[in-house]
Amino acid sequence: MNHVNLIGKVCSSPKVVELPDGRKIAQFTMATKEMYLDASGKTKSRSNWHRMTAWGKWVKILEELCQEGVDLAVEGKLVSRFYQNRGERKFISEVEVNDLVIL
């Protein structure tokens, strides 16, 4: 099963791109914080950065209401793709948004 749930902060305002077929996609970065205990028992935190993409109705909502620093809860799936950059093959994994709540 491919299912992702994240709660975190938007780190970059959504960039909206219109594709040649007229559809729009919103791309942004989200950070989540993870708490853990180190070897000595002290509480530590670690940030994780996530590349996010959204389609359809979420594009308009993100465009209007979402900006850097906003807290979000996101449900989606992990997708991977390849692209060419100057002849070099690049690999990207990102979370495709199925549902979101602005907190």
PDB file of N, CA and C in Angstrom:
ATOM      1  N   MET A   1       0.844  -1.179   0.000  1.00  0.00           N
ATOM      2  CA  MET A   1       0.000   0.000   0.000  1.00  0.00           C
ATOM      3  C   MET A   1       0.887   1.239   0.000  1.00  0.00           C
ATOM      4  N   ASN A   2       0.573   2.193  -0.803  1.00  0.00           N
ATOM      5  CA  ASN A   2       1.331   3.428  -0.927  1.00  0.00           C
ATOM      6  C   ASN A   2       0.508   4.547  -0.311  1.00  0.00           C
ATOM      7  N   HIS A   3       0.801   4.884   0.952  1.00  0.00           N
ATOM      8  CA  HIS A   3       0.012   5.880   1.680  1.00  0.00           C
ATOM      9  C   HIS A   3       0.939   6.703   2.563  1.00  0.00           C
ATOM     10  N   VAL A   4       0.841   8.034   2.468  1.00  0.00           N
ATOM     11  CA  VAL A   4       1.691   8.943   3.237  1.00  0.00           C
ATOM     12  C   VAL A   4       0.818   9.930   3.988  1.00  0.00           C
ATOM     13  N   ASN A   5       1.084  10.114   5.292  1.00  0.00           N
ATOM     14  CA  ASN A   5       0.447  11.144   6.105  1.00  0.00           C
ATOM     15  C   ASN A   5       1.544  11.999   6.714  1.00  0.00           C
ATOM     16  N   LEU A   6       1.471  13.311   6.518  1.00  0.00           N
ATOM     17  CA  LEU A   6       2.470  14.216   7.060  1.00  0.00           C
ATOM     18  C   LEU A   6       1.800  15.416   7.710  1.00  0.00           C
ATOM     19  N   ILE A   7       2.387  15.898   8.793  1.00  0.00           N
ATOM     20  CA  ILE A   7       1.980  17.148   9.412  1.00  0.00           C
ATOM     21  C   ILE A   7       3.254  17.967   9.562  1.00  0.00           C
ATOM     22  N   GLY A   8       3.250  19.168   8.999  1.00  0.00           N
ATOM     23  CA  GLY A   8       4.455  19.980   9.053  1.00  0.00           C
ATOM     24  C   GLY A   8       4.209  21.390   8.567  1.00  0.00           C
ATOM     25  N   LYS A   9       5.296  22.079   8.245  1.00  0.00           N
ATOM     26  CA  LYS A   9       5.243  23.470   7.798  1.00  0.00           C
ATOM     27  C   LYS A   9       5.636  23.579   6.331  1.00  0.00           C
ATOM     28  N   VAL A  10       4.953  24.471   5.637  1.00  0.00           N
ATOM     29  CA  VAL A  10       5.295  24.770   4.259  1.00  0.00           C
ATOM     30  C   VAL A  10       6.581  25.597   4.275  1.00  0.00           C
ATOM     31  N   CYS A  11       7.582  25.171   3.511  1.00  0.00           N
ATOM     32  CA  CYS A  11       8.893  25.841   3.489  1.00  0.00           C
ATOM     33  C   CYS A  11       9.078  26.730   2.278  1.00  0.00           C
ATOM     34  N   SER A  12       8.281  26.532   1.261  1.00  0.00           N
ATOM     35  CA  SER A  12       8.356  27.383   0.071  1.00  0.00           C
ATOM     36  C   SER A  12       6.938  27.578  -0.457  1.00  0.00           C
ATOM     37  N   SER A  13       6.611  28.799  -0.778  1.00  0.00           N
ATOM     38  CA  SER A  13       5.281  29.068  -1.341  1.00  0.00           C
ATOM     39  C   SER A  13       5.096  28.228  -2.590  1.00  0.00           C
ATOM     40  N   PRO A  14       3.872  27.701  -2.795  1.00  0.00           N
ATOM     41  CA  PRO A  14       3.645  26.832  -3.949  1.00  0.00           C
ATOM     42  C   PRO A  14       3.954  27.528  -5.279  1.00  0.00           C
ATOM     43  N   LYS A  15       4.663  26.804  -6.131  1.00  0.00           N
ATOM     44  CA  LYS A  15       4.950  27.266  -7.489  1.00  0.00           C
ATOM     45  C   LYS A  15       3.942  26.561  -8.397  1.00  0.00           C
ATOM     46  N   VAL A  16       3.129  27.346  -9.093  1.00  0.00           N
ATOM     47  CA  VAL A  16       2.100  26.776  -9.956  1.00  0.00           C
ATOM     48  C   VAL A  16       2.572  26.836 -11.401  1.00  0.00           C
ATOM     49  N   VAL A  17       2.488  25.692 -12.072  1.00  0.00           N
ATOM     50  CA  VAL A  17       2.904  25.572 -13.466  1.00  0.00           C
ATOM     51  C   VAL A  17       1.719  25.061 -14.278  1.00  0.00           C
ATOM     52  N   GLU A  18       1.471  25.720 -15.420  1.00  0.00           N
ATOM     53  CA  GLU A  18       0.429  25.237 -16.324  1.00  0.00           C
ATOM     54  C   GLU A  18       1.078  24.390 -17.400  1.00  0.00           C
ATOM     55  N   LEU A  19       0.572  23.181 -17.550  1.00  0.00           N
ATOM     56  CA  LEU A  19       1.104  22.238 -18.529  1.00  0.00           C
ATOM     57  C   LEU A  19       0.515  22.522 -19.905  1.00  0.00           C
ATOM     58  N   PRO A  20       1.137  22.030 -20.975  1.00  0.00           N
ATOM     59  CA  PRO A  20       0.641  22.279 -22.335  1.00  0.00           C
ATOM     60  C   PRO A  20      -0.820  21.856 -22.549  1.00  0.00           C
ATOM     61  N   ASP A  21      -1.283  20.847 -21.795  1.00  0.00           N
ATOM     62  CA  ASP A  21      -2.675  20.392 -21.960  1.00  0.00           C
ATOM     63  C   ASP A  21      -3.670  21.223 -21.148  1.00  0.00           C
ATOM     64  N   GLY A  22      -3.187  22.282 -20.456  1.00  0.00           N
ATOM     65  CA  GLY A  22      -4.082  23.170 -19.707  1.00  0.00           C
ATOM     66  C   GLY A  22      -4.198  22.844 -18.233  1.00  0.00           C
ATOM     67  N   ARG A  23      -3.776  21.648 -17.829  1.00  0.00           N
ATOM     68  CA  ARG A  23      -3.821  21.300 -16.404  1.00  0.00           C
ATOM     69  C   ARG A  23      -2.763  22.082 -15.651  1.00  0.00           C
ATOM     70  N   LYS A  24      -3.013  22.297 -14.352  1.00  0.00           N
ATOM     71  CA  LYS A  24      -2.050  22.995 -13.507  1.00  0.00           C
ATOM     72  C   LYS A  24      -1.538  22.059 -12.425  1.00  0.00           C
ATOM     73  N   ILE A  25      -0.301  22.295 -12.034  1.00  0.00           N
ATOM     74  CA  ILE A  25       0.315  21.535 -10.954  1.00  0.00           C
ATOM     75  C   ILE A  25       0.954  22.533  -9.991  1.00  0.00           C
ATOM     76  N   ALA A  26       0.790  22.273  -8.694  1.00  0.00           N
ATOM     77  CA  ALA A  26       1.436  23.095  -7.662  1.00  0.00           C
ATOM     78  C   ALA A  26       2.555  22.268  -7.048  1.00  0.00           C
ATOM     79  N   GLN A  27       3.721  22.870  -6.924  1.00  0.00           N
ATOM     80  CA  GLN A  27       4.877  22.205  -6.317  1.00  0.00           C
ATOM     81  C   GLN A  27       5.375  23.068  -5.165  1.00  0.00           C
ATOM     82  N   PHE A  28       5.663  22.406  -4.034  1.00  0.00           N
ATOM     83  CA  PHE A  28       6.180  23.133  -2.882  1.00  0.00           C
ATOM     84  C   PHE A  28       6.967  22.175  -2.002  1.00  0.00           C
ATOM     85  N   THR A  29       7.644  22.730  -1.023  1.00  0.00           N
ATOM     86  CA  THR A  29       8.426  21.941  -0.085  1.00  0.00           C
ATOM     87  C   THR A  29       7.792  22.046   1.289  1.00  0.00           C
ATOM     88  N   MET A  30       7.792  20.938   2.007  1.00  0.00           N
ATOM     89  CA  MET A  30       7.217  20.868   3.348  1.00  0.00           C
ATOM     90  C   MET A  30       8.247  20.235   4.278  1.00  0.00           C
ATOM     91  N   ALA A  31       8.325  20.732   5.506  1.00  0.00           N
ATOM     92  CA  ALA A  31       9.250  20.170   6.491  1.00  0.00           C
ATOM     93  C   ALA A  31       8.464  19.566   7.645  1.00  0.00           C
ATOM     94  N   THR A  32       8.905  18.390   8.079  1.00  0.00           N
ATOM     95  CA  THR A  32       8.326  17.755   9.266  1.00  0.00           C
ATOM     96  C   THR A  32       9.428  17.625  10.306  1.00  0.00           C
ATOM     97  N   LYS A  33       9.029  17.595  11.562  1.00  0.00           N
ATOM     98  CA  LYS A  33       9.992  17.478  12.649  1.00  0.00           C
ATOM     99  C   LYS A  33       9.786  16.149  13.347  1.00  0.00           C
ATOM    100  N   GLU A  34      10.874  15.469  13.622  1.00  0.00           N
ATOM    101  CA  GLU A  34      10.861  14.158  14.268  1.00  0.00           C
ATOM    102  C   GLU A  34      11.626  14.256  15.587  1.00  0.00           C
ATOM    103  N   MET A  35      11.033  13.800  16.664  1.00  0.00           N
ATOM    104  CA  MET A  35      11.684  13.812  17.978  1.00  0.00           C
ATOM    105  C   MET A  35      12.178  12.395  18.287  1.00  0.00           C
ATOM    106  N   TYR A  36      13.381  12.306  18.891  1.00  0.00           N
ATOM    107  CA  TYR A  36      13.939  11.004  19.246  1.00  0.00           C
ATOM    108  C   TYR A  36      14.898  11.174  20.424  1.00  0.00           C
ATOM    109  N   LEU A  37      15.270  10.056  21.037  1.00  0.00           N
ATOM    110  CA  LEU A  37      16.230  10.063  22.137  1.00  0.00           C
ATOM    111  C   LEU A  37      17.587   9.617  21.599  1.00  0.00           C
ATOM    112  N   ASP A  38      18.643  10.367  21.964  1.00  0.00           N
ATOM    113  CA  ASP A  38      19.983   9.956  21.550  1.00  0.00           C
ATOM    114  C   ASP A  38      20.511   8.894  22.510  1.00  0.00           C
ATOM    115  N   ALA A  39      21.733   8.449  22.322  1.00  0.00           N
ATOM    116  CA  ALA A  39      22.322   7.367  23.118  1.00  0.00           C
ATOM    117  C   ALA A  39      22.387   7.696  24.607  1.00  0.00           C
ATOM    118  N   SER A  40      22.490   8.999  24.935  1.00  0.00           N
ATOM    119  CA  SER A  40      22.558   9.390  26.344  1.00  0.00           C
ATOM    120  C   SER A  40      21.181   9.651  26.955  1.00  0.00           C
ATOM    121  N   GLY A  41      20.130   9.492  26.163  1.00  0.00           N
ATOM    122  CA  GLY A  41      18.767   9.670  26.671  1.00  0.00           C
ATOM    123  C   GLY A  41      18.234  11.091  26.529  1.00  0.00           C
ATOM    124  N   LYS A  42      18.984  11.971  25.878  1.00  0.00           N
ATOM    125  CA  LYS A  42      18.528  13.350  25.663  1.00  0.00           C
ATOM    126  C   LYS A  42      17.595  13.411  24.454  1.00  0.00           C
ATOM    127  N   THR A  43      16.575  14.261  24.559  1.00  0.00           N
ATOM    128  CA  THR A  43      15.641  14.449  23.463  1.00  0.00           C
ATOM    129  C   THR A  43      16.279  15.313  22.384  1.00  0.00           C
ATOM    130  N   LYS A  44      16.217  14.825  21.178  1.00  0.00           N
ATOM    131  CA  LYS A  44      16.754  15.535  20.017  1.00  0.00           C
ATOM    132  C   LYS A  44      15.645  15.668  18.977  1.00  0.00           C
ATOM    133  N   SER A  45      15.830  16.608  18.065  1.00  0.00           N
ATOM    134  CA  SER A  45      14.872  16.722  16.971  1.00  0.00           C
ATOM    135  C   SER A  45      15.624  16.736  15.644  1.00  0.00           C
ATOM    136  N   ARG A  46      14.939  16.253  14.636  1.00  0.00           N
ATOM    137  CA  ARG A  46      15.510  16.183  13.295  1.00  0.00           C
ATOM    138  C   ARG A  46      14.420  16.634  12.324  1.00  0.00           C
ATOM    139  N   SER A  47      14.788  17.481  11.378  1.00  0.00           N
ATOM    140  CA  SER A  47      13.839  17.931  10.358  1.00  0.00           C
ATOM    141  C   SER A  47      14.006  17.098   9.095  1.00  0.00           C
ATOM    142  N   ASN A  48      12.902  16.803   8.469  1.00  0.00           N
ATOM    143  CA  ASN A  48      12.889  16.102   7.190  1.00  0.00           C
ATOM    144  C   ASN A  48      12.184  16.997   6.181  1.00  0.00           C
ATOM    145  N   TRP A  49      12.734  17.071   4.982  1.00  0.00           N
ATOM    146  CA  TRP A  49      12.189  17.921   3.929  1.00  0.00           C
ATOM    147  C   TRP A  49      11.524  17.038   2.884  1.00  0.00           C
ATOM    148  N   HIS A  50      10.337  17.463   2.450  1.00  0.00           N
ATOM    149  CA  HIS A  50       9.553  16.670   1.513  1.00  0.00           C
ATOM    150  C   HIS A  50       9.156  17.519   0.308  1.00  0.00           C
ATOM    151  N   ARG A  51       9.384  16.978  -0.857  1.00  0.00           N
ATOM    152  CA  ARG A  51       8.928  17.601  -2.091  1.00  0.00           C
ATOM    153  C   ARG A  51       7.476  17.214  -2.276  1.00  0.00           C
ATOM    154  N   MET A  52       6.604  18.182  -2.536  1.00  0.00           N
ATOM    155  CA  MET A  52       5.170  17.937  -2.639  1.00  0.00           C
ATOM    156  C   MET A  52       4.656  18.396  -4.003  1.00  0.00           C
ATOM    157  N   THR A  53       3.657  17.673  -4.538  1.00  0.00           N
ATOM    158  CA  THR A  53       2.968  18.092  -5.750  1.00  0.00           C
ATOM    159  C   THR A  53       1.471  17.942  -5.535  1.00  0.00           C
ATOM    160  N   ALA A  54       0.703  18.836  -6.140  1.00  0.00           N
ATOM    161  CA  ALA A  54      -0.755  18.783  -6.030  1.00  0.00           C
ATOM    162  C   ALA A  54      -1.370  19.099  -7.381  1.00  0.00           C
ATOM    163  N   TRP A  55      -2.498  18.463  -7.655  1.00  0.00           N
ATOM    164  CA  TRP A  55      -3.221  18.623  -8.915  1.00  0.00           C
ATOM    165  C   TRP A  55      -4.654  19.045  -8.623  1.00  0.00           C
ATOM    166  N   GLY A  56      -5.384  19.397  -9.658  1.00  0.00           N
ATOM    167  CA  GLY A  56      -6.822  19.638  -9.573  1.00  0.00           C
ATOM    168  C   GLY A  56      -7.197  20.763  -8.624  1.00  0.00           C
ATOM    169  N   LYS A  57      -8.216  20.518  -7.803  1.00  0.00           N
ATOM    170  CA  LYS A  57      -8.751  21.557  -6.910  1.00  0.00           C
ATOM    171  C   LYS A  57      -7.720  22.036  -5.897  1.00  0.00           C
ATOM    172  N   TRP A  58      -6.748  21.199  -5.568  1.00  0.00           N
ATOM    173  CA  TRP A  58      -5.759  21.584  -4.552  1.00  0.00           C
ATOM    174  C   TRP A  58      -4.852  22.704  -5.047  1.00  0.00           C
ATOM    175  N   VAL A  59      -4.659  22.804  -6.348  1.00  0.00           N
ATOM    176  CA  VAL A  59      -3.805  23.861  -6.897  1.00  0.00           C
ATOM    177  C   VAL A  59      -4.360  25.230  -6.528  1.00  0.00           C
ATOM    178  N   LYS A  60      -5.646  25.439  -6.768  1.00  0.00           N
ATOM    179  CA  LYS A  60      -6.273  26.734  -6.477  1.00  0.00           C
ATOM    180  C   LYS A  60      -6.234  27.036  -4.982  1.00  0.00           C
ATOM    181  N   ILE A  61      -6.515  26.042  -4.153  1.00  0.00           N
ATOM    182  CA  ILE A  61      -6.505  26.229  -2.699  1.00  0.00           C
ATOM    183  C   ILE A  61      -5.103  26.591  -2.222  1.00  0.00           C
ATOM    184  N   LEU A  62      -4.105  25.878  -2.699  1.00  0.00           N
ATOM    185  CA  LEU A  62      -2.726  26.167  -2.307  1.00  0.00           C
ATOM    186  C   LEU A  62      -2.293  27.543  -2.792  1.00  0.00           C
ATOM    187  N   GLU A  63      -2.689  27.899  -4.004  1.00  0.00           N
ATOM    188  CA  GLU A  63      -2.336  29.190  -4.583  1.00  0.00           C
ATOM    189  C   GLU A  63      -2.903  30.340  -3.747  1.00  0.00           C
ATOM    190  N   GLU A  64      -4.137  30.186  -3.291  1.00  0.00           N
ATOM    191  CA  GLU A  64      -4.823  31.261  -2.568  1.00  0.00           C
ATOM    192  C   GLU A  64      -4.503  31.307  -1.075  1.00  0.00           C
ATOM    193  N   LEU A  65      -4.350  30.150  -0.430  1.00  0.00           N
ATOM    194  CA  LEU A  65      -4.285  30.119   1.026  1.00  0.00           C
ATOM    195  C   LEU A  65      -2.955  29.684   1.613  1.00  0.00           C
ATOM    196  N   CYS A  66      -2.086  29.162   0.809  1.00  0.00           N
ATOM    197  CA  CYS A  66      -0.877  28.566   1.349  1.00  0.00           C
ATOM    198  C   CYS A  66       0.346  29.410   1.019  1.00  0.00           C
ATOM    199  N   GLN A  67       1.152  29.644   2.024  1.00  0.00           N
ATOM    200  CA  GLN A  67       2.407  30.363   1.832  1.00  0.00           C
ATOM    201  C   GLN A  67       3.432  29.815   2.805  1.00  0.00           C
ATOM    202  N   GLU A  68       4.646  30.257   2.689  1.00  0.00           N
ATOM    203  CA  GLU A  68       5.716  29.793   3.561  1.00  0.00           C
ATOM    204  C   GLU A  68       5.343  29.997   5.031  1.00  0.00           C
ATOM    205  N   GLY A  69       5.555  28.957   5.849  1.00  0.00           N
ATOM    206  CA  GLY A  69       5.283  29.025   7.282  1.00  0.00           C
ATOM    207  C   GLY A  69       3.937  28.472   7.713  1.00  0.00           C
ATOM    208  N   VAL A  70       3.047  28.192   6.779  1.00  0.00           N
ATOM    209  CA  VAL A  70       1.720  27.661   7.100  1.00  0.00           C
ATOM    210  C   VAL A  70       1.842  26.204   7.540  1.00  0.00           C
ATOM    211  N   ASP A  71       1.093  25.831   8.590  1.00  0.00           N
ATOM    212  CA  ASP A  71       1.047  24.438   9.046  1.00  0.00           C
ATOM    213  C   ASP A  71       0.031  23.667   8.214  1.00  0.00           C
ATOM    214  N   LEU A  72       0.436  22.477   7.762  1.00  0.00           N
ATOM    215  CA  LEU A  72      -0.416  21.638   6.913  1.00  0.00           C
ATOM    216  C   LEU A  72      -0.443  20.203   7.401  1.00  0.00           C
ATOM    217  N   ALA A  73      -1.585  19.566   7.219  1.00  0.00           N
ATOM    218  CA  ALA A  73      -1.696  18.109   7.350  1.00  0.00           C
ATOM    219  C   ALA A  73      -2.000  17.611   5.945  1.00  0.00           C
ATOM    220  N   VAL A  74      -1.209  16.661   5.468  1.00  0.00           N
ATOM    221  CA  VAL A  74      -1.334  16.174   4.097  1.00  0.00           C
ATOM    222  C   VAL A  74      -1.482  14.666   4.087  1.00  0.00           C
ATOM    223  N   GLU A  75      -2.365  14.195   3.227  1.00  0.00           N
ATOM    224  CA  GLU A  75      -2.509  12.759   2.963  1.00  0.00           C
ATOM    225  C   GLU A  75      -2.244  12.600   1.479  1.00  0.00           C
ATOM    226  N   GLY A  76      -1.433  11.602   1.141  1.00  0.00           N
ATOM    227  CA  GLY A  76      -1.115  11.405  -0.262  1.00  0.00           C
ATOM    228  C   GLY A  76      -0.410  10.094  -0.512  1.00  0.00           C
ATOM    229  N   LYS A  77       0.339  10.061  -1.608  1.00  0.00           N
ATOM    230  CA  LYS A  77       1.090   8.863  -1.966  1.00  0.00           C
ATOM    231  C   LYS A  77       2.472   9.271  -2.460  1.00  0.00           C
ATOM    232  N   LEU A  78       3.415   8.366  -2.322  1.00  0.00           N
ATOM    233  CA  LEU A  78       4.778   8.600  -2.778  1.00  0.00           C
ATOM    234  C   LEU A  78       4.881   8.221  -4.246  1.00  0.00           C
ATOM    235  N   VAL A  79       5.379   9.148  -5.068  1.00  0.00           N
ATOM    236  CA  VAL A  79       5.583   8.883  -6.487  1.00  0.00           C
ATOM    237  C   VAL A  79       7.040   9.162  -6.846  1.00  0.00           C
ATOM    238  N   SER A  80       7.550   8.429  -7.804  1.00  0.00           N
ATOM    239  CA  SER A  80       8.930   8.591  -8.266  1.00  0.00           C
ATOM    240  C   SER A  80       8.913   8.786  -9.763  1.00  0.00           C
ATOM    241  N   ARG A  81       9.850   9.607 -10.237  1.00  0.00           N
ATOM    242  CA  ARG A  81       9.942   9.830 -11.678  1.00  0.00           C
ATOM    243  C   ARG A  81      11.381  10.162 -12.058  1.00  0.00           C
ATOM    244  N   PHE A  82      11.644  10.045 -13.344  1.00  0.00           N
ATOM    245  CA  PHE A  82      12.955  10.367 -13.912  1.00  0.00           C
ATOM    246  C   PHE A  82      12.799  11.526 -14.884  1.00  0.00           C
ATOM    247  N   TYR A  83      13.862  12.309 -15.033  1.00  0.00           N
ATOM    248  CA  TYR A  83      13.901  13.330 -16.064  1.00  0.00           C
ATOM    249  C   TYR A  83      15.352  13.524 -16.500  1.00  0.00           C
ATOM    250  N   GLN A  84      15.536  14.170 -17.634  1.00  0.00           N
ATOM    251  CA  GLN A  84      16.871  14.430 -18.167  1.00  0.00           C
ATOM    252  C   GLN A  84      17.242  15.885 -17.907  1.00  0.00           C
ATOM    253  N   ASN A  85      18.451  16.115 -17.398  1.00  0.00           N
ATOM    254  CA  ASN A  85      18.965  17.464 -17.188  1.00  0.00           C
ATOM    255  C   ASN A  85      20.368  17.519 -17.772  1.00  0.00           C
ATOM    256  N   ARG A  86      20.504  18.224 -18.909  1.00  0.00           N
ATOM    257  CA  ARG A  86      21.795  18.337 -19.590  1.00  0.00           C
ATOM    258  C   ARG A  86      22.392  16.961 -19.892  1.00  0.00           C
ATOM    259  N   GLY A  87      21.528  16.055 -20.330  1.00  0.00           N
ATOM    260  CA  GLY A  87      21.975  14.720 -20.689  1.00  0.00           C
ATOM    261  C   GLY A  87      22.143  13.762 -19.524  1.00  0.00           C
ATOM    262  N   GLU A  88      21.964  14.251 -18.316  1.00  0.00           N
ATOM    263  CA  GLU A  88      22.112  13.405 -17.129  1.00  0.00           C
ATOM    264  C   GLU A  88      20.726  13.006 -16.618  1.00  0.00           C
ATOM    265  N   ARG A  89      20.560  11.718 -16.332  1.00  0.00           N
ATOM    266  CA  ARG A  89      19.277  11.214 -15.837  1.00  0.00           C
ATOM    267  C   ARG A  89      19.158  11.495 -14.340  1.00  0.00           C
ATOM    268  N   LYS A  90      18.063  12.169 -13.946  1.00  0.00           N
ATOM    269  CA  LYS A  90      17.815  12.523 -12.547  1.00  0.00           C
ATOM    270  C   LYS A  90      16.597  11.753 -12.042  1.00  0.00           C
ATOM    271  N   PHE A  91      16.614  11.412 -10.763  1.00  0.00           N
ATOM    272  CA  PHE A  91      15.551  10.650 -10.115  1.00  0.00           C
ATOM    273  C   PHE A  91      14.954  11.509  -9.008  1.00  0.00           C
ATOM    274  N   ILE A  92      13.625  11.587  -8.935  1.00  0.00           N
ATOM    275  CA  ILE A  92      12.938  12.381  -7.919  1.00  0.00           C
ATOM    276  C   ILE A  92      11.853  11.533  -7.265  1.00  0.00           C
ATOM    277  N   SER A  93      11.750  11.622  -5.956  1.00  0.00           N
ATOM    278  CA  SER A  93      10.608  11.069  -5.220  1.00  0.00           C
ATOM    279  C   SER A  93       9.886  12.245  -4.582  1.00  0.00           C
ATOM    280  N   GLU A  94       8.570  12.229  -4.666  1.00  0.00           N
ATOM    281  CA  GLU A  94       7.779  13.312  -4.088  1.00  0.00           C
ATOM    282  C   GLU A  94       6.442  12.769  -3.604  1.00  0.00           C
ATOM    283  N   VAL A  95       5.791  13.542  -2.754  1.00  0.00           N
ATOM    284  CA  VAL A  95       4.482  13.163  -2.243  1.00  0.00           C
ATOM    285  C   VAL A  95       3.433  13.859  -3.104  1.00  0.00           C
ATOM    286  N   GLU A  96       2.535  13.077  -3.683  1.00  0.00           N
ATOM    287  CA  GLU A  96       1.423  13.617  -4.458  1.00  0.00           C
ATOM    288  C   GLU A  96       0.221  13.749  -3.529  1.00  0.00           C
ATOM    289  N   VAL A  97      -0.275  14.963  -3.388  1.00  0.00           N
ATOM    290  CA  VAL A  97      -1.331  15.275  -2.435  1.00  0.00           C
ATOM    291  C   VAL A  97      -2.674  14.741  -2.925  1.00  0.00           C
ATOM    292  N   ASN A  98      -3.350  13.992  -2.034  1.00  0.00           N
ATOM    293  CA  ASN A  98      -4.730  13.544  -2.291  1.00  0.00           C
ATOM    294  C   ASN A  98      -5.722  14.362  -1.479  1.00  0.00           C
ATOM    295  N   ASP A  99      -5.274  14.806  -0.286  1.00  0.00           N
ATOM    296  CA  ASP A  99      -6.132  15.585   0.613  1.00  0.00           C
ATOM    297  C   ASP A  99      -5.216  16.419   1.497  1.00  0.00           C
ATOM    298  N   LEU A 100      -5.696  17.590   1.903  1.00  0.00           N
ATOM    299  CA  LEU A 100      -4.910  18.414   2.818  1.00  0.00           C
ATOM    300  C   LEU A 100      -5.821  19.237   3.704  1.00  0.00           C
ATOM    301  N   VAL A 101      -5.287  19.611   4.865  1.00  0.00           N
ATOM    302  CA  VAL A 101      -5.983  20.476   5.813  1.00  0.00           C
ATOM    303  C   VAL A 101      -4.997  21.551   6.229  1.00  0.00           C
ATOM    304  N   ILE A 102      -5.405  22.811   6.109  1.00  0.00           N
ATOM    305  CA  ILE A 102      -4.572  23.901   6.603  1.00  0.00           C
ATOM    306  C   ILE A 102      -4.861  24.040   8.094  1.00  0.00           C
ATOM    307  N   LEU A 103      -3.831  23.937   8.907  1.00  0.00           N
ATOM    308  CA  LEU A 103      -4.000  23.951  10.368  1.00  0.00           C
ATOM    309  C   LEU A 103      -3.891  25.359  10.934  1.00  0.00           C
TER     310      LEU A 103
END
